[in-house]
Amino acid sequence: MTCTLCHKRLWAALLALAVVLSCGLSAAAASPAGSVTATLPVAVSFWEQDTENPSVVNDGIDANRDATLIRQSNGTYTLQLPIQTVSTVVFNGHLIGLTIGDISYDGEVSGSLEDGTAVLTIKNLPSSVLTGSNISRSLLVTCVIEMDVDLLGETTKTARMCVTVL
């Protein structure tokens, strides 16, 4: 009798494990890796490193179009930032990526700068990018700017970044 009871418990445990595994596989199939869990409209602003003055990098963001931050199922974020050419005395170019700490986040530019439809998409950003609008909570970043003249390559500009959910 004891042995029969052990076998019943064993079969019940195996059946429960099979049900749990099949539910898990169904959920994984319905929600593939990298799928979107939330799309948030955001405002992105850049500030000078040591002051509360706006950074020149702000001029490279097209304020007439909406930016979005997309939360992926793996916990990272994808930033879709409308960009435009930024011009200074030293350079003319556009934002193509960010470095946070020691990690570089290369972006992909789609659309056209000339037509005003360019969007920079940066994937796998950490949740720490959600700083809010308070400058004291901003995140120190190095902005990578691609120069308009191909021979000049890229330049960088250190700034503090605020990402605020609207």
Protein backbone atom coordinates (compact mmCIF):
# COMPACT_ATOMS: atom_id res chain seq x y z
CA MET A 1 0.00 0.00 0.00
CA THR A 2 2.82 2.37 0.79
CA CYS A 3 4.48 1.68 -2.54
CA THR A 4 1.23 2.31 -4.43
CA LEU A 5 0.85 5.63 -2.62
CA CYS A 6 4.41 6.61 -3.61
CA HIS A 7 3.70 5.77 -7.26
CA LYS A 8 0.51 7.83 -7.23
CA ARG A 9 2.38 10.80 -5.76
CA LEU A 10 5.16 10.40 -8.30
CA TRP A 11 2.68 10.31 -11.20
CA ALA A 12 0.81 13.32 -9.78
CA ALA A 13 4.08 15.29 -9.50
CA LEU A 14 5.10 14.37 -13.06
CA LEU A 15 1.67 15.36 -14.38
CA ALA A 16 1.84 18.70 -12.54
CA LEU A 17 5.34 19.30 -13.93
CA ALA A 18 4.10 18.54 -17.46
CA VAL A 19 1.23 21.02 -17.07
CA VAL A 20 3.54 23.73 -15.74
CA LEU A 21 6.04 23.18 -18.57
CA SER A 22 3.36 23.24 -21.26
CA CYS A 23 1.92 26.48 -19.87
CA GLY A 24 5.40 28.00 -19.77
CA LEU A 25 6.14 27.01 -23.35
CA SER A 26 2.79 28.41 -24.52
CA ALA A 27 3.52 31.73 -22.80
CA ALA A 28 7.00 31.86 -24.33
CA ALA A 29 5.59 31.20 -27.79
CA ALA A 30 2.96 33.91 -27.35
CA SER A 31 5.55 36.43 -26.11
CA PRO A 32 8.77 36.06 -28.11
CA ALA A 33 12.03 37.43 -26.73
CA GLY A 34 12.39 41.15 -27.32
CA SER A 35 8.66 41.75 -27.64
CA VAL A 36 7.23 45.09 -26.61
CA THR A 37 5.57 45.35 -23.20
CA ALA A 38 4.93 49.13 -23.10
CA THR A 39 5.36 52.16 -25.36
CA LEU A 40 5.76 55.44 -23.51
CA PRO A 41 5.77 58.97 -24.98
CA VAL A 42 8.79 60.76 -23.52
CA ALA A 43 10.58 64.09 -23.51
CA VAL A 44 14.37 63.88 -23.83
CA SER A 45 16.60 66.80 -22.91
CA PHE A 46 20.34 67.26 -22.61
CA TRP A 47 22.08 69.63 -20.20
CA GLU A 48 25.62 70.94 -19.95
CA GLN A 49 27.80 68.76 -17.76
CA ASP A 50 28.57 71.31 -15.02
CA THR A 51 25.73 73.82 -15.30
CA GLU A 52 21.97 73.92 -15.59
CA ASN A 53 22.19 75.30 -19.13
CA PRO A 54 20.81 73.30 -22.06
CA SER A 55 23.46 71.43 -24.04
CA VAL A 56 24.06 72.03 -27.74
CA VAL A 57 22.97 68.40 -28.21
CA ASN A 58 19.39 69.58 -27.52
CA ASP A 59 19.48 71.41 -30.88
CA GLY A 60 19.86 67.99 -32.51
CA ILE A 61 16.49 66.79 -31.20
CA ASP A 62 13.45 67.63 -33.30
CA ALA A 63 11.03 69.04 -30.69
CA ASN A 64 8.17 69.12 -33.23
CA ARG A 65 7.97 65.30 -33.27
CA ASP A 66 7.34 62.83 -30.46
CA ALA A 67 10.00 60.63 -28.89
CA THR A 68 9.07 57.23 -27.49
CA LEU A 69 10.61 54.82 -25.04
CA ILE A 70 9.64 51.21 -25.57
CA ARG A 71 9.99 48.72 -22.71
CA GLN A 72 11.05 45.32 -23.98
CA SER A 73 10.07 42.06 -22.26
CA ASN A 74 13.71 41.54 -21.23
CA GLY A 75 13.58 44.71 -19.08
CA THR A 76 15.61 46.96 -21.40
CA TYR A 77 14.34 49.99 -23.27
CA THR A 78 14.45 51.13 -26.90
CA LEU A 79 14.54 54.89 -27.44
CA GLN A 80 13.11 56.27 -30.68
CA LEU A 81 14.30 59.86 -30.85
CA PRO A 82 13.44 62.26 -33.70
CA ILE A 83 16.67 63.97 -34.69
CA GLN A 84 17.83 66.82 -36.88
CA THR A 85 21.16 68.34 -37.82
CA VAL A 86 22.88 70.28 -35.07
CA SER A 87 25.19 73.12 -36.12
CA THR A 88 27.82 74.85 -34.04
CA VAL A 89 30.90 76.88 -34.76
CA VAL A 90 32.98 73.71 -34.40
CA PHE A 91 30.83 71.06 -36.12
CA ASN A 92 27.70 70.19 -38.09
CA GLY A 93 26.29 66.73 -37.53
CA HIS A 94 23.64 64.55 -35.94
CA LEU A 95 23.35 62.30 -32.91
CA ILE A 96 24.05 58.61 -33.63
CA GLY A 97 24.58 57.04 -30.20
CA LEU A 98 25.23 57.34 -26.48
CA THR A 99 27.73 56.05 -23.98
CA ILE A 100 26.56 55.52 -20.42
CA GLY A 101 29.42 54.70 -18.11
CA ASP A 102 31.62 52.27 -20.03
CA ILE A 103 28.82 50.91 -22.25
CA SER A 104 28.28 52.30 -25.76
CA TYR A 105 24.81 52.22 -27.28
CA ASP A 106 25.07 52.60 -31.04
CA GLY A 107 21.93 53.81 -32.67
CA GLU A 108 20.39 53.23 -36.06
CA VAL A 109 19.21 56.25 -38.04
CA SER A 110 16.17 55.82 -40.27
CA GLY A 111 14.41 58.43 -42.37
CA SER A 112 16.06 61.51 -43.80
CA LEU A 113 17.69 64.48 -42.11
CA GLU A 114 16.99 66.62 -45.18
CA ASP A 115 13.26 65.76 -45.17
CA GLY A 116 12.93 66.16 -41.39
CA THR A 117 11.94 62.52 -40.90
CA ALA A 118 15.12 61.15 -39.29
CA VAL A 119 14.70 58.97 -36.21
CA LEU A 120 17.50 57.59 -34.08
CA THR A 121 16.69 54.19 -32.55
CA ILE A 122 18.87 53.07 -29.65
CA LYS A 123 18.22 49.58 -28.27
CA ASN A 124 18.96 47.83 -24.97
CA LEU A 125 19.11 50.93 -22.79
CA PRO A 126 18.96 50.28 -19.03
CA SER A 127 16.04 51.39 -16.87
CA SER A 128 18.31 54.05 -15.33
CA VAL A 129 17.56 56.26 -18.37
CA LEU A 130 14.17 57.06 -16.82
CA THR A 131 15.37 60.02 -14.76
CA GLY A 132 12.42 62.38 -14.87
CA SER A 133 12.78 66.10 -15.53
CA ASN A 134 14.79 66.98 -12.41
CA ILE A 135 18.27 67.98 -13.64
CA SER A 136 19.86 66.80 -10.39
CA ARG A 137 18.74 63.23 -11.23
CA SER A 138 20.02 63.40 -14.82
CA LEU A 139 22.27 60.72 -16.24
CA LEU A 140 25.80 61.58 -17.37
CA VAL A 141 26.21 60.47 -21.00
CA THR A 142 28.64 60.92 -23.83
CA CYS A 143 26.78 61.78 -27.03
CA VAL A 144 28.26 60.47 -30.26
CA ILE A 145 27.73 62.91 -33.13
CA GLU A 146 28.41 61.94 -36.73
CA MET A 147 29.85 64.83 -38.69
CA ASP A 148 28.12 65.90 -41.90
CA VAL A 149 31.43 65.74 -43.76
CA ASP A 150 32.39 62.05 -44.01
CA LEU A 151 36.11 62.79 -43.80
CA LEU A 152 35.68 64.21 -40.29
CA GLY A 153 34.07 61.07 -38.85
CA GLU A 154 32.56 61.39 -35.38
CA THR A 155 32.90 63.65 -32.37
CA THR A 156 31.63 63.31 -28.82
CA LYS A 157 30.00 65.71 -26.40
CA THR A 158 29.53 65.00 -22.69
CA ALA A 159 26.15 66.03 -21.32
CA ARG A 160 23.55 65.11 -18.74
CA MET A 161 20.40 63.47 -20.09
CA CYS A 162 16.87 63.63 -18.70
CA VAL A 163 14.15 61.28 -19.98
CA THR A 164 10.68 62.15 -18.73
CA VAL A 165 7.54 60.12 -19.35
CA LEU A 166 4.81 62.44 -20.62
